[in-house]
Amino acid sequence: MSEQRAGYRFVPHTADLMVEAWGATRDEAFEQAARGLITSFAEITGAVTVTQDLELPADDGGALLALLEEIVFLADARALVPSEVRVRGAVASLGLTELHPEAVTGAPPKAITYHEFSAEQRLDGWHCRFVVDV
């Protein structure tokens, strides 16, 4: 884990984008993973226009994947992106704002791949890694 308690970073990856995220708790690491995904393609400054709760599966990998896939879906199908993300156990609360064309700063994500995907607890906290198909 980085010296920061929680955060994310982009890792070079052939043709796609890899994101690593970490936090002291599972929820914190998942929030950082979501922020990493969002900032990989958009700079969000708008106010929350609607809040959406997302029920997460019980297993950790499935929960993270569901959260990330929902963000990809919202951006692609509804032109919405979370400006706020809170994960509390089995529920992720997404504060959504419109994704305006001028806010797009990178290639929009197409999907989250299963290749090199992980969400695991280690001695120093929780760590996540995923590849974004752009």
Protein backbone atom coordinates (compact mmCIF):
# COMPACT_ATOMS: atom_id res chain seq x y z
CA MET A 1 0.00 0.00 0.00
CA SER A 2 1.16 3.53 -0.57
CA GLU A 3 2.14 5.75 2.34
CA GLN A 4 -1.32 7.31 1.99
CA ARG A 5 -4.03 5.65 4.03
CA ALA A 6 -6.29 5.48 0.98
CA GLY A 7 -5.95 6.33 -2.68
CA TYR A 8 -5.65 5.08 -6.21
CA ARG A 9 -3.21 5.18 -9.05
CA PHE A 10 -3.09 4.37 -12.74
CA VAL A 11 -0.69 1.65 -13.85
CA PRO A 12 0.61 1.31 -17.42
CA HIS A 13 -1.19 -1.47 -19.27
CA THR A 14 -1.15 -2.50 -22.91
CA ALA A 15 -4.05 -0.84 -24.82
CA ASP A 16 -6.21 -0.50 -21.71
CA LEU A 17 -6.01 1.19 -18.32
CA MET A 18 -5.19 -0.54 -15.03
CA VAL A 19 -6.29 1.03 -11.76
CA GLU A 20 -5.01 0.08 -8.34
CA ALA A 21 -6.84 1.32 -5.26
CA TRP A 22 -6.36 0.83 -1.55
CA GLY A 23 -7.85 1.75 1.78
CA ALA A 24 -7.81 0.80 5.43
CA THR A 25 -11.25 -0.81 5.06
CA ARG A 26 -13.07 -2.62 2.27
CA ASP A 27 -15.55 0.22 1.88
CA GLU A 28 -12.80 2.83 1.68
CA ALA A 29 -10.86 0.82 -0.93
CA PHE A 30 -14.01 0.37 -3.03
CA GLU A 31 -14.73 4.11 -2.86
CA GLN A 32 -11.18 4.82 -4.05
CA ALA A 33 -11.55 2.27 -6.88
CA ALA A 34 -14.72 4.05 -8.01
CA ARG A 35 -12.98 7.44 -7.89
CA GLY A 36 -10.08 6.04 -9.89
CA LEU A 37 -12.45 4.78 -12.58
CA ILE A 38 -14.35 8.08 -12.72
CA THR A 39 -11.27 10.31 -12.88
CA SER A 40 -9.81 8.14 -15.62
CA PHE A 41 -12.30 9.62 -18.08
CA ALA A 42 -14.01 12.65 -16.52
CA GLU A 43 -13.47 15.71 -14.37
CA ILE A 44 -16.63 16.10 -12.36
CA THR A 45 -17.47 19.44 -10.79
CA GLY A 46 -21.27 19.48 -11.04
CA ALA A 47 -23.64 19.27 -8.12
CA VAL A 48 -25.46 16.04 -7.32
CA THR A 49 -28.78 15.96 -9.16
CA VAL A 50 -30.01 12.54 -8.01
CA THR A 51 -28.88 9.89 -5.55
CA GLN A 52 -29.04 6.21 -6.41
CA ASP A 53 -28.45 3.30 -4.05
CA LEU A 54 -26.94 0.14 -5.46
CA GLU A 55 -27.31 -3.20 -3.65
CA LEU A 56 -23.96 -5.01 -3.76
CA PRO A 57 -23.48 -8.78 -3.88
CA ALA A 58 -22.21 -10.50 -0.74
CA ASP A 59 -18.81 -11.54 -2.08
CA ASP A 60 -16.11 -8.87 -2.18
CA GLY A 61 -15.04 -9.34 -5.81
CA GLY A 62 -18.64 -9.37 -7.00
CA ALA A 63 -19.42 -6.25 -4.98
CA LEU A 64 -16.54 -4.28 -6.47
CA LEU A 65 -17.33 -5.48 -9.98
CA ALA A 66 -21.01 -4.53 -9.60
CA LEU A 67 -20.06 -1.03 -8.43
CA LEU A 68 -17.61 -0.44 -11.28
CA GLU A 69 -19.94 -1.87 -13.92
CA GLU A 70 -22.76 0.38 -12.70
CA ILE A 71 -20.53 3.43 -13.13
CA VAL A 72 -19.67 2.34 -16.70
CA PHE A 73 -23.36 1.75 -17.46
CA LEU A 74 -24.50 5.09 -16.04
CA ALA A 75 -21.90 7.02 -18.04
CA ASP A 76 -22.64 5.18 -21.28
CA ALA A 77 -26.42 4.73 -21.17
CA ARG A 78 -27.61 7.70 -19.11
CA ALA A 79 -24.78 10.26 -19.39
CA LEU A 80 -24.56 10.34 -15.60
CA VAL A 81 -21.48 9.99 -13.42
CA PRO A 82 -21.05 9.84 -9.66
CA SER A 83 -19.60 12.96 -8.12
CA GLU A 84 -19.99 11.30 -4.72
CA VAL A 85 -19.52 7.62 -3.86
CA ARG A 86 -20.15 6.09 -0.44
CA VAL A 87 -19.91 2.38 0.21
CA ARG A 88 -21.37 1.01 3.43
CA GLY A 89 -21.33 -2.76 3.52
CA ALA A 90 -23.87 -4.12 1.04
CA VAL A 91 -24.96 -0.72 -0.32
CA ALA A 92 -23.20 1.84 -2.49
CA SER A 93 -24.76 5.30 -2.56
CA LEU A 94 -24.00 7.22 -5.75
CA GLY A 95 -24.54 10.98 -5.92
CA LEU A 96 -24.99 11.47 -9.66
CA THR A 97 -24.48 14.46 -11.90
CA GLU A 98 -24.82 14.90 -15.65
CA LEU A 99 -21.79 13.96 -17.71
CA HIS A 100 -21.36 16.99 -19.97
CA PRO A 101 -19.09 16.65 -23.03
CA GLU A 102 -16.69 19.28 -21.67
CA ALA A 103 -16.19 17.16 -18.52
CA VAL A 104 -14.87 14.19 -20.51
CA THR A 105 -11.08 14.14 -20.20
CA GLY A 106 -10.24 10.65 -21.44
CA ALA A 107 -11.49 7.64 -23.34
CA PRO A 108 -14.84 6.54 -21.92
CA PRO A 109 -14.76 3.07 -20.37
CA LYS A 110 -16.40 0.23 -22.31
CA ALA A 111 -16.14 -2.45 -19.64
CA ILE A 112 -14.27 -3.78 -16.64
CA THR A 113 -12.32 -6.90 -17.54
CA TYR A 114 -11.95 -10.02 -15.40
CA HIS A 115 -8.28 -10.26 -16.34
CA GLU A 116 -6.05 -9.16 -13.43
CA PHE A 117 -9.11 -8.27 -11.34
CA SER A 118 -8.74 -8.49 -7.57
CA ALA A 119 -10.26 -7.22 -4.34
CA GLU A 120 -8.50 -8.54 -1.26
CA GLN A 121 -7.66 -7.83 2.33
CA ARG A 122 -3.97 -7.79 3.23
CA LEU A 123 -2.10 -7.08 6.43
CA ASP A 124 -1.92 -3.35 5.63
CA GLY A 125 -5.54 -2.90 4.48
CA TRP A 126 -7.66 -3.58 1.43
CA HIS A 127 -6.30 -3.59 -2.13
CA CYS A 128 -8.15 -3.60 -5.45
CA ARG A 129 -6.91 -3.89 -9.00
CA PHE A 130 -8.84 -3.86 -12.25
CA VAL A 131 -8.40 -3.24 -15.95
CA VAL A 132 -10.68 -0.83 -17.79
CA ASP A 133 -11.40 -1.64 -21.42
CA VAL A 134 -11.38 1.75 -23.18
